[in-house]
Amino acid sequence: MIKVAINGYGTIGKRVADAVAAQKDMKIIGVSKTRPSAEAFIAQQRGYPLYLADLAKKSSCENLGLKVSGNVEDMIKQADIVIDATPGDVGAKNKPVYERLGVKAIFQGGEEHEVAGFSFNSDCNYKDAIGRQFARVVSCNTTGLCRIIQAMDKEYGVAKVRAVMVRRGSDPGEVKKGPIDAVVLNPVTIPSHHGPDVLTVLPHIQIVTMAMIVPTTMMHMHAIQMDLAKQGSRERVIEIIERHPRMGLVRKGTGITSTAELKEYAMDLGRCRADLWENGIFEESISVAGKELYLFQAIHQEADVVVENVDAIRAMMGTVKDPAVSVRMTNEAMGLKAL
């Protein structure tokens, strides 16, 4: 049984904790918070031991009925591996602690590639992660890009990718950013960071990305165009997507043409938190003209990296050497079925 600590029980951390708890070969030994919060109460309800970054907050937690098991180092010392789901750049500050305590750690896409020296995606480089002490699971957008690019590269070879990221303004639960009424170029310069981030996983791919932020909280949307090395067909592309364990087709018959409707669909499917762990690729958008492929895909920013973290745990611990086996184990435990 792999003992997993979650350092940072927020948007990603709470989802990874539930995903890990669902696995037959893993156990949550603790989660951390910086202060009392609604999420701390949820952790207690789930039965996850609660640890604090600063024990000076212990009395304020206990006065509210929250049991505190110790500080973050107390938690880490019990773990085989830590999921660092702290805010961006905090993970890099935590790394020396993991090194000193000799524990493996997985960082998130908000950190730079250099924090681990290795960026992970289950489809692309699972076997290269086997036995590593540190890895970084790439961001939600990069994860979605890597999945579709790798699938098409294996079938046809990908000569070049051009992608526009239409990004959500904030997560649904965030209020600190306040109301927004704008389309913000993020960044104004080209390429956006997403293309270079893809290269940390797929260094041979030529890719140019552009990004903007829009006033929505649901999901990101990608407009993708690929130049293939060989002539493709729409039917074959659809077949590849249908067979992929973490890509789903948003079919014409559903009538879904927006991220809001897709999120509602996930809710009606009974998904935990209405999460979509897979790419939501709009079937009607898939177009192949000779060696050119076009499509739209929706990326749920809160969810698609969750399953990647679970696979990264198995790879780094060396308990499952075959990526397909880990992906199947993860998906089955979480009830991930095709859209």
C-alpha atoms as a PDB file:
ATOM      1  CA  MET A   1       0.000   0.000   0.000  1.00  0.00           C
ATOM      2  CA  ILE A   2       1.515   3.326  -1.106  1.00  0.00           C
ATOM      3  CA  LYS A   3       1.279   5.975   1.621  1.00  0.00           C
ATOM      4  CA  VAL A   4       0.422   9.348   0.071  1.00  0.00           C
ATOM      5  CA  ALA A   5       0.463  12.799   1.678  1.00  0.00           C
ATOM      6  CA  ILE A   6      -1.347  15.750   0.113  1.00  0.00           C
ATOM      7  CA  ASN A   7       0.464  19.005   0.831  1.00  0.00           C
ATOM      8  CA  GLY A   8      -2.132  21.632  -0.067  1.00  0.00           C
ATOM      9  CA  TYR A   9      -5.775  20.593   0.137  1.00  0.00           C
ATOM     10  CA  GLY A  10      -7.297  23.048  -2.329  1.00  0.00           C
ATOM     11  CA  THR A  11      -8.791  22.834  -5.820  1.00  0.00           C
ATOM     12  CA  ILE A  12      -6.376  20.156  -7.043  1.00  0.00           C
ATOM     13  CA  GLY A  13      -5.315  18.680  -3.725  1.00  0.00           C
ATOM     14  CA  LYS A  14      -8.807  17.721  -2.593  1.00  0.00           C
ATOM     15  CA  ARG A  15      -9.515  16.067  -5.924  1.00  0.00           C
ATOM     16  CA  VAL A  16      -6.257  14.127  -5.919  1.00  0.00           C
ATOM     17  CA  ALA A  17      -6.919  13.054  -2.333  1.00  0.00           C
ATOM     18  CA  ASP A  18     -10.284  11.559  -3.301  1.00  0.00           C
ATOM     19  CA  ALA A  19      -8.767   9.929  -6.383  1.00  0.00           C
ATOM     20  CA  VAL A  20      -5.961   8.380  -4.338  1.00  0.00           C
ATOM     21  CA  ALA A  21      -8.408   7.199  -1.672  1.00  0.00           C
ATOM     22  CA  ALA A  22     -10.368   5.382  -4.397  1.00  0.00           C
ATOM     23  CA  GLN A  23      -7.307   3.346  -5.470  1.00  0.00           C
ATOM     24  CA  LYS A  24      -6.864  -0.148  -4.017  1.00  0.00           C
ATOM     25  CA  ASP A  25      -3.074   0.215  -3.866  1.00  0.00           C
ATOM     26  CA  MET A  26      -2.881   3.634  -2.172  1.00  0.00           C
ATOM     27  CA  LYS A  27      -3.755   5.258   1.140  1.00  0.00           C
ATOM     28  CA  ILE A  28      -4.060   8.908   2.216  1.00  0.00           C
ATOM     29  CA  ILE A  29      -2.015   9.425   5.389  1.00  0.00           C
ATOM     30  CA  GLY A  30      -2.788  13.135   5.663  1.00  0.00           C
ATOM     31  CA  VAL A  31      -3.660  16.437   4.029  1.00  0.00           C
ATOM     32  CA  SER A  32      -2.440  19.920   4.898  1.00  0.00           C
ATOM     33  CA  LYS A  33      -4.024  23.332   5.225  1.00  0.00           C
ATOM     34  CA  THR A  34      -2.643  26.701   6.279  1.00  0.00           C
ATOM     35  CA  ARG A  35      -5.696  27.669   8.352  1.00  0.00           C
ATOM     36  CA  PRO A  36      -9.285  26.654   9.156  1.00  0.00           C
ATOM     37  CA  SER A  37     -11.496  26.502   6.067  1.00  0.00           C
ATOM     38  CA  ALA A  38     -14.496  24.772   4.577  1.00  0.00           C
ATOM     39  CA  GLU A  39     -12.103  22.345   2.892  1.00  0.00           C
ATOM     40  CA  ALA A  40     -10.578  21.442   6.263  1.00  0.00           C
ATOM     41  CA  PHE A  41     -14.043  20.389   7.450  1.00  0.00           C
ATOM     42  CA  ILE A  42     -14.491  18.309   4.291  1.00  0.00           C
ATOM     43  CA  ALA A  43     -11.129  16.609   4.905  1.00  0.00           C
ATOM     44  CA  GLN A  44     -12.230  15.696   8.423  1.00  0.00           C
ATOM     45  CA  GLN A  45     -15.539  14.382   7.100  1.00  0.00           C
ATOM     46  CA  ARG A  46     -13.641  12.240   4.578  1.00  0.00           C
ATOM     47  CA  GLY A  47     -11.484  10.839   7.377  1.00  0.00           C
ATOM     48  CA  TYR A  48      -8.245  12.409   6.154  1.00  0.00           C
ATOM     49  CA  PRO A  49      -5.906  13.379   9.030  1.00  0.00           C
ATOM     50  CA  LEU A  50      -5.388  17.151   9.013  1.00  0.00           C
ATOM     51  CA  TYR A  51      -1.954  18.750   9.339  1.00  0.00           C
ATOM     52  CA  LEU A  52      -1.068  22.440   9.491  1.00  0.00           C
ATOM     53  CA  ALA A  53       1.702  24.416   7.858  1.00  0.00           C
ATOM     54  CA  ASP A  54       1.839  26.535  11.019  1.00  0.00           C
ATOM     55  CA  LEU A  55       0.947  24.935  14.349  1.00  0.00           C
ATOM     56  CA  ALA A  56       0.242  28.402  15.747  1.00  0.00           C
ATOM     57  CA  LYS A  57      -3.150  27.953  14.019  1.00  0.00           C
ATOM     58  CA  LYS A  58      -3.842  24.717  15.919  1.00  0.00           C
ATOM     59  CA  SER A  59      -5.956  26.279  18.669  1.00  0.00           C
ATOM     60  CA  SER A  60      -8.119  28.203  16.186  1.00  0.00           C
ATOM     61  CA  CYS A  61      -8.762  24.944  14.335  1.00  0.00           C
ATOM     62  CA  GLU A  62      -9.524  22.949  17.460  1.00  0.00           C
ATOM     63  CA  ASN A  63     -11.835  25.676  18.768  1.00  0.00           C
ATOM     64  CA  LEU A  64     -13.901  25.088  15.615  1.00  0.00           C
ATOM     65  CA  GLY A  65     -13.975  21.332  16.121  1.00  0.00           C
ATOM     66  CA  LEU A  66     -11.154  20.438  13.752  1.00  0.00           C
ATOM     67  CA  LYS A  67      -8.726  17.793  14.976  1.00  0.00           C
ATOM     68  CA  VAL A  68      -5.110  18.613  14.127  1.00  0.00           C
ATOM     69  CA  SER A  69      -2.664  15.710  13.811  1.00  0.00           C
ATOM     70  CA  GLY A  70       0.529  17.776  13.664  1.00  0.00           C
ATOM     71  CA  ASN A  71       2.518  19.942  11.300  1.00  0.00           C
ATOM     72  CA  VAL A  72       3.392  19.342   7.659  1.00  0.00           C
ATOM     73  CA  GLU A  73       6.748  17.750   8.462  1.00  0.00           C
ATOM     74  CA  ASP A  74       5.016  15.276  10.774  1.00  0.00           C
ATOM     75  CA  MET A  75       2.837  14.291   7.811  1.00  0.00           C
ATOM     76  CA  ILE A  76       5.677  14.052   5.314  1.00  0.00           C
ATOM     77  CA  LYS A  77       7.711  11.759   7.576  1.00  0.00           C
ATOM     78  CA  GLN A  78       4.947   9.143   7.350  1.00  0.00           C
ATOM     79  CA  ALA A  79       4.634   9.274   3.557  1.00  0.00           C
ATOM     80  CA  ASP A  80       6.184   7.330   0.714  1.00  0.00           C
ATOM     81  CA  ILE A  81       5.338  10.159  -1.663  1.00  0.00           C
ATOM     82  CA  VAL A  82       3.921  13.680  -1.406  1.00  0.00           C
ATOM     83  CA  ILE A  83       1.547  15.383  -3.820  1.00  0.00           C
ATOM     84  CA  ASP A  84       2.528  19.049  -3.608  1.00  0.00           C
ATOM     85  CA  ALA A  85      -0.676  20.873  -4.564  1.00  0.00           C
ATOM     86  CA  THR A  86       0.288  24.174  -2.979  1.00  0.00           C
ATOM     87  CA  PRO A  87      -0.132  27.453  -4.929  1.00  0.00           C
ATOM     88  CA  GLY A  88       2.287  28.173  -7.781  1.00  0.00           C
ATOM     89  CA  ASP A  89       5.919  28.775  -6.746  1.00  0.00           C
ATOM     90  CA  VAL A  90       5.304  27.478  -3.208  1.00  0.00           C
ATOM     91  CA  GLY A  91       6.221  23.969  -4.315  1.00  0.00           C
ATOM     92  CA  ALA A  92       9.726  25.103  -5.220  1.00  0.00           C
ATOM     93  CA  LYS A  93      10.112  26.451  -1.682  1.00  0.00           C
ATOM     94  CA  ASN A  94       8.943  23.106  -0.280  1.00  0.00           C
ATOM     95  CA  LYS A  95      11.395  21.023  -2.307  1.00  0.00           C
ATOM     96  CA  PRO A  96      14.317  21.368   0.156  1.00  0.00           C
ATOM     97  CA  VAL A  97      12.081  19.866   2.862  1.00  0.00           C
ATOM     98  CA  TYR A  98      11.333  16.841   0.689  1.00  0.00           C
ATOM     99  CA  GLU A  99      15.023  16.463  -0.089  1.00  0.00           C
ATOM    100  CA  ARG A 100      15.999  16.680   3.570  1.00  0.00           C
ATOM    101  CA  LEU A 101      13.400  14.100   4.586  1.00  0.00           C
ATOM    102  CA  GLY A 102      14.239  11.833   1.632  1.00  0.00           C
ATOM    103  CA  VAL A 103      10.681  11.582   0.317  1.00  0.00           C
ATOM    104  CA  LYS A 104       9.449  11.507  -3.272  1.00  0.00           C
ATOM    105  CA  ALA A 105       7.306  14.416  -4.418  1.00  0.00           C
ATOM    106  CA  ILE A 106       5.045  15.328  -7.326  1.00  0.00           C
ATOM    107  CA  PHE A 107       4.661  19.009  -8.187  1.00  0.00           C
ATOM    108  CA  GLN A 108       1.921  20.656 -10.243  1.00  0.00           C
ATOM    109  CA  GLY A 109       1.922  22.678 -13.459  1.00  0.00           C
ATOM    110  CA  GLY A 110       2.051  25.982 -11.605  1.00  0.00           C
ATOM    111  CA  GLU A 111       5.707  25.240 -10.909  1.00  0.00           C
ATOM    112  CA  GLU A 112       8.482  25.614 -13.460  1.00  0.00           C
ATOM    113  CA  HIS A 113       9.798  22.515 -15.221  1.00  0.00           C
ATOM    114  CA  GLU A 114      13.106  22.996 -13.423  1.00  0.00           C
ATOM    115  CA  VAL A 115      11.604  22.299  -9.981  1.00  0.00           C
ATOM    116  CA  ALA A 116      11.750  18.578 -10.786  1.00  0.00           C
ATOM    117  CA  GLY A 117      13.746  18.512 -14.017  1.00  0.00           C
ATOM    118  CA  PHE A 118      11.107  16.141 -15.392  1.00  0.00           C
ATOM    119  CA  SER A 119       7.569  16.920 -16.578  1.00  0.00           C
ATOM    120  CA  PHE A 120       5.085  14.045 -16.647  1.00  0.00           C
ATOM    121  CA  ASN A 121       2.211  12.932 -18.832  1.00  0.00           C
ATOM    122  CA  SER A 122       0.822   9.392 -18.625  1.00  0.00           C
ATOM    123  CA  ASP A 123       0.460   9.036 -22.395  1.00  0.00           C
ATOM    124  CA  CYS A 124       3.889  10.324 -23.302  1.00  0.00           C
ATOM    125  CA  ASN A 125       6.598   9.449 -20.789  1.00  0.00           C
ATOM    126  CA  TYR A 126       5.246   7.239 -17.997  1.00  0.00           C
ATOM    127  CA  LYS A 127       8.161   4.800 -18.173  1.00  0.00           C
ATOM    128  CA  ASP A 128      10.691   7.629 -17.895  1.00  0.00           C
ATOM    129  CA  ALA A 129       9.174   8.509 -14.499  1.00  0.00           C
ATOM    130  CA  ILE A 130       9.785   5.067 -12.993  1.00  0.00           C
ATOM    131  CA  GLY A 131      11.850   5.369  -9.834  1.00  0.00           C
ATOM    132  CA  ARG A 132      12.293   9.164  -9.921  1.00  0.00           C
ATOM    133  CA  GLN A 133      12.328  11.160  -6.704  1.00  0.00           C
ATOM    134  CA  PHE A 134      10.699  14.238  -8.238  1.00  0.00           C
ATOM    135  CA  ALA A 135       8.312  14.879 -11.115  1.00  0.00           C
ATOM    136  CA  ARG A 136       6.038  17.690 -12.226  1.00  0.00           C
ATOM    137  CA  VAL A 137       2.602  16.918 -13.634  1.00  0.00           C
ATOM    138  CA  VAL A 138       2.101  19.463 -16.404  1.00  0.00           C
ATOM    139  CA  SER A 139      -0.770  21.961 -16.313  1.00  0.00           C
ATOM    140  CA  CYS A 140      -4.354  21.253 -17.311  1.00  0.00           C
ATOM    141  CA  ASN A 141      -3.951  22.859 -20.741  1.00  0.00           C
ATOM    142  CA  THR A 142      -0.636  21.135 -21.413  1.00  0.00           C
ATOM    143  CA  THR A 143      -2.096  17.800 -20.306  1.00  0.00           C
ATOM    144  CA  GLY A 144      -4.970  18.170 -22.775  1.00  0.00           C
ATOM    145  CA  LEU A 145      -2.633  19.192 -25.583  1.00  0.00           C
ATOM    146  CA  CYS A 146      -0.210  16.340 -24.919  1.00  0.00           C
ATOM    147  CA  ARG A 147      -2.959  13.722 -25.065  1.00  0.00           C
ATOM    148  CA  ILE A 148      -4.313  14.687 -28.482  1.00  0.00           C
ATOM    149  CA  ILE A 149      -0.916  15.523 -29.986  1.00  0.00           C
ATOM    150  CA  GLN A 150       0.642  12.251 -28.830  1.00  0.00           C
ATOM    151  CA  ALA A 151      -2.302  10.241 -30.186  1.00  0.00           C
ATOM    152  CA  MET A 152      -2.079  11.868 -33.620  1.00  0.00           C
ATOM    153  CA  ASP A 153       1.734  11.725 -33.652  1.00  0.00           C
ATOM    154  CA  LYS A 154       1.659   7.959 -33.062  1.00  0.00           C
ATOM    155  CA  GLU A 155      -0.785   7.479 -35.942  1.00  0.00           C
ATOM    156  CA  TYR A 156       0.320  10.021 -38.522  1.00  0.00           C
ATOM    157  CA  GLY A 157       3.303  11.953 -37.258  1.00  0.00           C
ATOM    158  CA  VAL A 158       2.719  15.604 -36.357  1.00  0.00           C
ATOM    159  CA  ALA A 159       4.674  18.167 -38.357  1.00  0.00           C
ATOM    160  CA  LYS A 160       3.294  21.271 -36.623  1.00  0.00           C
ATOM    161  CA  VAL A 161       0.628  22.345 -34.135  1.00  0.00           C
ATOM    162  CA  ARG A 162      -1.102  25.701 -33.846  1.00  0.00           C
ATOM    163  CA  ALA A 163      -3.435  26.105 -30.900  1.00  0.00           C
ATOM    164  CA  VAL A 164      -5.428  28.923 -29.343  1.00  0.00           C
ATOM    165  CA  MET A 165      -6.215  28.590 -25.635  1.00  0.00           C
ATOM    166  CA  VAL A 166      -9.462  30.311 -24.635  1.00  0.00           C
ATOM    167  CA  ARG A 167      -9.039  30.172 -20.884  1.00  0.00           C
ATOM    168  CA  ARG A 168     -11.491  30.521 -18.030  1.00  0.00           C
ATOM    169  CA  GLY A 169     -11.163  33.672 -15.944  1.00  0.00           C
ATOM    170  CA  SER A 170     -11.151  31.888 -12.572  1.00  0.00           C
ATOM    171  CA  ASP A 171     -12.253  28.658 -10.958  1.00  0.00           C
ATOM    172  CA  PRO A 172     -15.933  28.476  -9.888  1.00  0.00           C
ATOM    173  CA  GLY A 173     -15.143  28.771  -6.192  1.00  0.00           C
ATOM    174  CA  GLU A 174     -12.791  31.747  -6.511  1.00  0.00           C
ATOM    175  CA  VAL A 175     -14.074  35.175  -5.507  1.00  0.00           C
ATOM    176  CA  LYS A 176     -10.805  37.005  -4.879  1.00  0.00           C
ATOM    177  CA  LYS A 177     -10.480  37.931  -8.560  1.00  0.00           C
ATOM    178  CA  GLY A 178     -13.874  39.615  -8.455  1.00  0.00           C
ATOM    179  CA  PRO A 179     -16.309  40.230 -11.318  1.00  0.00           C
ATOM    180  CA  ILE A 180     -14.711  40.497 -14.745  1.00  0.00           C
ATOM    181  CA  ASP A 181     -15.942  41.946 -18.027  1.00  0.00           C
ATOM    182  CA  ALA A 182     -13.168  41.638 -20.574  1.00  0.00           C
ATOM    183  CA  VAL A 183     -11.283  39.379 -22.956  1.00  0.00           C
ATOM    184  CA  VAL A 184      -7.703  39.574 -21.729  1.00  0.00           C
ATOM    185  CA  LEU A 185      -4.757  38.558 -23.875  1.00  0.00           C
ATOM    186  CA  ASN A 186      -2.728  36.319 -21.591  1.00  0.00           C
ATOM    187  CA  PRO A 187      -0.060  36.898 -22.671  1.00  0.00           C
ATOM    188  CA  VAL A 188      -0.147  39.495 -25.431  1.00  0.00           C
ATOM    189  CA  THR A 189       3.066  37.999 -26.782  1.00  0.00           C
ATOM    190  CA  ILE A 190       3.222  34.848 -28.899  1.00  0.00           C
ATOM    191  CA  PRO A 191       3.800  32.030 -28.107  1.00  0.00           C
ATOM    192  CA  SER A 192       2.002  31.622 -24.810  1.00  0.00           C
ATOM    193  CA  HIS A 193       3.713  29.425 -22.225  1.00  0.00           C
ATOM    194  CA  HIS A 194       1.636  26.403 -23.232  1.00  0.00           C
ATOM    195  CA  GLY A 195       3.677  25.555 -26.330  1.00  0.00           C
ATOM    196  CA  PRO A 196       7.041  25.587 -24.517  1.00  0.00           C
ATOM    197  CA  ASP A 197       5.431  23.562 -21.744  1.00  0.00           C
ATOM    198  CA  VAL A 198       4.349  20.888 -24.236  1.00  0.00           C
ATOM    199  CA  LEU A 199       7.994  20.707 -25.310  1.00  0.00           C
ATOM    200  CA  THR A 200       9.032  19.631 -21.809  1.00  0.00           C
ATOM    201  CA  VAL A 201       7.097  16.420 -22.529  1.00  0.00           C
ATOM    202  CA  LEU A 202       7.198  16.168 -26.350  1.00  0.00           C
ATOM    203  CA  PRO A 203      10.421  17.979 -27.316  1.00  0.00           C
ATOM    204  CA  HIS A 204      10.259  16.983 -30.989  1.00  0.00           C
ATOM    205  CA  ILE A 205       6.906  18.680 -31.692  1.00  0.00           C
ATOM    206  CA  GLN A 206       6.756  22.040 -33.477  1.00  0.00           C
ATOM    207  CA  ILE A 207       4.047  24.010 -31.719  1.00  0.00           C
ATOM    208  CA  VAL A 208       2.883  27.610 -31.507  1.00  0.00           C
ATOM    209  CA  THR A 209       0.229  28.584 -28.958  1.00  0.00           C
ATOM    210  CA  MET A 210      -1.761  31.746 -28.242  1.00  0.00           C
ATOM    211  CA  ALA A 211      -3.905  32.380 -25.178  1.00  0.00           C
ATOM    212  CA  MET A 212      -6.623  34.651 -23.849  1.00  0.00           C
ATOM    213  CA  ILE A 213      -8.764  34.771 -20.709  1.00  0.00           C
ATOM    214  CA  VAL A 214     -12.541  35.163 -20.956  1.00  0.00           C
ATOM    215  CA  PRO A 215     -15.291  35.803 -18.362  1.00  0.00           C
ATOM    216  CA  THR A 216     -16.243  32.206 -17.515  1.00  0.00           C
ATOM    217  CA  THR A 217     -15.379  29.730 -14.784  1.00  0.00           C
ATOM    218  CA  MET A 218     -16.420  26.438 -16.373  1.00  0.00           C
ATOM    219  CA  MET A 219     -13.562  25.234 -18.560  1.00  0.00           C
ATOM    220  CA  HIS A 220     -10.906  26.133 -21.065  1.00  0.00           C
ATOM    221  CA  MET A 221     -11.531  25.703 -24.793  1.00  0.00           C
ATOM    222  CA  HIS A 222      -8.805  24.860 -27.316  1.00  0.00           C
ATOM    223  CA  ALA A 223      -8.973  25.572 -31.034  1.00  0.00           C
ATOM    224  CA  ILE A 224      -6.376  23.242 -32.544  1.00  0.00           C
ATOM    225  CA  GLN A 225      -4.919  22.871 -36.001  1.00  0.00           C
ATOM    226  CA  MET A 226      -2.311  20.213 -36.767  1.00  0.00           C
ATOM    227  CA  ASP A 227      -0.203  19.620 -39.847  1.00  0.00           C
ATOM    228  CA  LEU A 228       0.126  15.845 -40.141  1.00  0.00           C
ATOM    229  CA  ALA A 229       3.091  14.075 -41.726  1.00  0.00           C
ATOM    230  CA  LYS A 230       0.729  11.710 -43.562  1.00  0.00           C
ATOM    231  CA  GLN A 231      -2.729  12.166 -45.024  1.00  0.00           C
ATOM    232  CA  GLY A 232      -5.419  11.467 -42.465  1.00  0.00           C
ATOM    233  CA  SER A 233      -9.119  10.762 -42.398  1.00  0.00           C
ATOM    234  CA  ARG A 234     -11.863  12.080 -40.179  1.00  0.00           C
ATOM    235  CA  GLU A 235     -13.176   8.583 -39.546  1.00  0.00           C
ATOM    236  CA  ARG A 236      -9.804   7.332 -38.313  1.00  0.00           C
ATOM    237  CA  VAL A 237      -9.265  10.364 -36.072  1.00  0.00           C
ATOM    238  CA  ILE A 238     -12.660   9.778 -34.471  1.00  0.00           C
ATOM    239  CA  GLU A 239     -11.829   6.094 -34.000  1.00  0.00           C
ATOM    240  CA  ILE A 240      -8.549   6.978 -32.238  1.00  0.00           C
ATOM    241  CA  ILE A 241     -10.325   9.383 -29.915  1.00  0.00           C
ATOM    242  CA  GLU A 242     -13.065   6.841 -29.145  1.00  0.00           C
ATOM    243  CA  ARG A 243     -10.481   4.223 -28.173  1.00  0.00           C
ATOM    244  CA  HIS A 244      -8.403   6.565 -26.030  1.00  0.00           C
ATOM    245  CA  PRO A 245      -9.024   6.083 -22.283  1.00  0.00           C
ATOM    246  CA  ARG A 246      -8.814   9.810 -21.533  1.00  0.00           C
ATOM    247  CA  MET A 247     -10.366  11.485 -24.543  1.00  0.00           C
ATOM    248  CA  GLY A 248     -14.113  11.694 -24.972  1.00  0.00           C
ATOM    249  CA  LEU A 249     -16.274  12.683 -27.926  1.00  0.00           C
ATOM    250  CA  VAL A 250     -18.938  15.314 -27.355  1.00  0.00           C
ATOM    251  CA  ARG A 251     -21.345  13.905 -29.881  1.00  0.00           C
ATOM    252  CA  LYS A 252     -23.644  15.858 -32.166  1.00  0.00           C
ATOM    253  CA  GLY A 253     -26.676  14.010 -30.842  1.00  0.00           C
ATOM    254  CA  THR A 254     -26.244  15.490 -27.374  1.00  0.00           C
ATOM    255  CA  GLY A 255     -26.840  18.986 -28.704  1.00  0.00           C
ATOM    256  CA  ILE A 256     -23.951  20.250 -26.583  1.00  0.00           C
ATOM    257  CA  THR A 257     -22.185  23.253 -28.097  1.00  0.00           C
ATOM    258  CA  SER A 258     -20.807  24.976 -24.978  1.00  0.00           C
ATOM    259  CA  THR A 259     -18.719  24.361 -21.891  1.00  0.00           C
ATOM    260  CA  ALA A 260     -21.716  25.127 -19.666  1.00  0.00           C
ATOM    261  CA  GLU A 261     -23.786  22.379 -21.283  1.00  0.00           C
ATOM    262  CA  LEU A 262     -20.849  19.972 -21.124  1.00  0.00           C
ATOM    263  CA  LYS A 263     -20.384  20.643 -17.407  1.00  0.00           C
ATOM    264  CA  GLU A 264     -24.112  20.084 -16.871  1.00  0.00           C
ATOM    265  CA  TYR A 265     -23.825  16.798 -18.767  1.00  0.00           C
ATOM    266  CA  ALA A 266     -20.993  15.674 -16.472  1.00  0.00           C
ATOM    267  CA  MET A 267     -23.172  16.572 -13.502  1.00  0.00           C
ATOM    268  CA  ASP A 268     -26.081  14.546 -14.866  1.00  0.00           C
ATOM    269  CA  LEU A 269     -23.731  11.596 -15.435  1.00  0.00           C
ATOM    270  CA  GLY A 270     -23.161  11.603 -11.701  1.00  0.00           C
ATOM    271  CA  ARG A 271     -19.488  12.560 -11.902  1.00  0.00           C
ATOM    272  CA  CYS A 272     -17.992  13.575  -8.556  1.00  0.00           C
ATOM    273  CA  ARG A 273     -17.955  17.407  -8.498  1.00  0.00           C
ATOM    274  CA  ALA A 274     -19.113  17.212 -12.162  1.00  0.00           C
ATOM    275  CA  ASP A 275     -15.463  16.649 -13.071  1.00  0.00           C
ATOM    276  CA  LEU A 276     -14.261  15.792 -16.575  1.00  0.00           C
ATOM    277  CA  TRP A 277     -10.946  13.994 -16.309  1.00  0.00           C
ATOM    278  CA  GLU A 278     -10.792  13.498 -20.079  1.00  0.00           C
ATOM    279  CA  ASN A 279     -10.477  15.900 -23.029  1.00  0.00           C
ATOM    280  CA  GLY A 280     -13.957  16.799 -24.284  1.00  0.00           C
ATOM    281  CA  ILE A 281     -13.501  16.800 -28.075  1.00  0.00           C
ATOM    282  CA  PHE A 282     -16.437  18.097 -30.095  1.00  0.00           C
ATOM    283  CA  GLU A 283     -17.223  15.500 -32.745  1.00  0.00           C
ATOM    284  CA  GLU A 284     -18.722  18.019 -35.172  1.00  0.00           C
ATOM    285  CA  SER A 285     -15.576  20.148 -35.054  1.00  0.00           C
ATOM    286  CA  ILE A 286     -13.258  17.377 -36.237  1.00  0.00           C
ATOM    287  CA  SER A 287     -12.222  18.168 -39.783  1.00  0.00           C
ATOM    288  CA  VAL A 288      -9.478  16.583 -41.873  1.00  0.00           C
ATOM    289  CA  ALA A 289      -8.377  18.165 -45.148  1.00  0.00           C
ATOM    290  CA  GLY A 290      -5.519  16.141 -46.572  1.00  0.00           C
ATOM    291  CA  LYS A 291      -2.743  16.503 -44.011  1.00  0.00           C
ATOM    292  CA  GLU A 292      -4.522  19.174 -41.956  1.00  0.00           C
ATOM    293  CA  LEU A 293      -6.549  18.355 -38.837  1.00  0.00           C
ATOM    294  CA  TYR A 294      -8.836  20.817 -37.028  1.00  0.00           C
ATOM    295  CA  LEU A 295     -10.825  20.389 -33.828  1.00  0.00           C
ATOM    296  CA  PHE A 296     -12.180  22.025 -30.682  1.00  0.00           C
ATOM    297  CA  GLN A 297     -11.594  20.454 -27.278  1.00  0.00           C
ATOM    298  CA  ALA A 298     -12.823  21.465 -23.829  1.00  0.00           C
ATOM    299  CA  ILE A 299     -10.462  21.077 -20.878  1.00  0.00           C
ATOM    300  CA  HIS A 300     -11.765  21.020 -17.318  1.00  0.00           C
ATOM    301  CA  GLN A 301      -9.037  22.930 -15.513  1.00  0.00           C
ATOM    302  CA  GLU A 302      -9.877  21.511 -12.090  1.00  0.00           C
ATOM    303  CA  ALA A 303      -9.858  17.866 -13.097  1.00  0.00           C
ATOM    304  CA  ASP A 304      -7.791  16.546 -16.004  1.00  0.00           C
ATOM    305  CA  VAL A 305      -4.487  16.546 -14.074  1.00  0.00           C
ATOM    306  CA  VAL A 306      -5.993  14.532 -11.203  1.00  0.00           C
ATOM    307  CA  VAL A 307      -5.729  11.156 -12.936  1.00  0.00           C
ATOM    308  CA  GLU A 308      -2.227  12.060 -14.121  1.00  0.00           C
ATOM    309  CA  ASN A 309      -1.107  12.532 -10.514  1.00  0.00           C
ATOM    310  CA  VAL A 310      -2.357   9.063  -9.615  1.00  0.00           C
ATOM    311  CA  ASP A 311      -0.447   7.474 -12.493  1.00  0.00           C
ATOM    312  CA  ALA A 312       2.672   9.462 -11.588  1.00  0.00           C
ATOM    313  CA  ILE A 313       2.545   7.973  -8.093  1.00  0.00           C
ATOM    314  CA  ARG A 314       2.661   4.416  -9.441  1.00  0.00           C
ATOM    315  CA  ALA A 315       5.410   5.232 -11.919  1.00  0.00           C
ATOM    316  CA  MET A 316       7.653   6.949  -9.382  1.00  0.00           C
ATOM    317  CA  MET A 317       7.087   4.230  -6.781  1.00  0.00           C
ATOM    318  CA  GLY A 318       7.816   1.597  -9.445  1.00  0.00           C
ATOM    319  CA  THR A 319       4.808  -0.513  -8.463  1.00  0.00           C
ATOM    320  CA  VAL A 320       3.274  -0.605 -11.959  1.00  0.00           C
ATOM    321  CA  LYS A 321       5.656  -0.533 -14.912  1.00  0.00           C
ATOM    322  CA  ASP A 322       3.083  -0.594 -17.742  1.00  0.00           C
ATOM    323  CA  PRO A 323       1.374   2.792 -18.315  1.00  0.00           C
ATOM    324  CA  ALA A 324      -1.719   1.175 -19.841  1.00  0.00           C
ATOM    325  CA  VAL A 325      -2.207  -0.909 -16.705  1.00  0.00           C
ATOM    326  CA  SER A 326      -1.935   2.122 -14.410  1.00  0.00           C
ATOM    327  CA  VAL A 327      -4.312   4.188 -16.559  1.00  0.00           C
ATOM    328  CA  ARG A 328      -6.850   1.361 -16.486  1.00  0.00           C
ATOM    329  CA  MET A 329      -6.521   0.954 -12.701  1.00  0.00           C
ATOM    330  CA  THR A 330      -6.922   4.684 -12.126  1.00  0.00           C
ATOM    331  CA  ASN A 331      -9.886   5.066 -14.475  1.00  0.00           C
ATOM    332  CA  GLU A 332     -11.746   2.034 -13.148  1.00  0.00           C
ATOM    333  CA  ALA A 333     -11.329   3.099  -9.533  1.00  0.00           C
ATOM    334  CA  MET A 334     -12.729   6.540 -10.343  1.00  0.00           C
ATOM    335  CA  GLY A 335     -15.525   5.286 -12.571  1.00  0.00           C
ATOM    336  CA  LEU A 336     -14.204   7.104 -15.625  1.00  0.00           C
ATOM    337  CA  LYS A 337     -16.302   5.951 -18.559  1.00  0.00           C
ATOM    338  CA  ALA A 338     -16.537   7.411 -22.041  1.00  0.00           C
ATOM    339  CA  LEU A 339     -18.620  10.536 -22.522  1.00  0.00           C
END
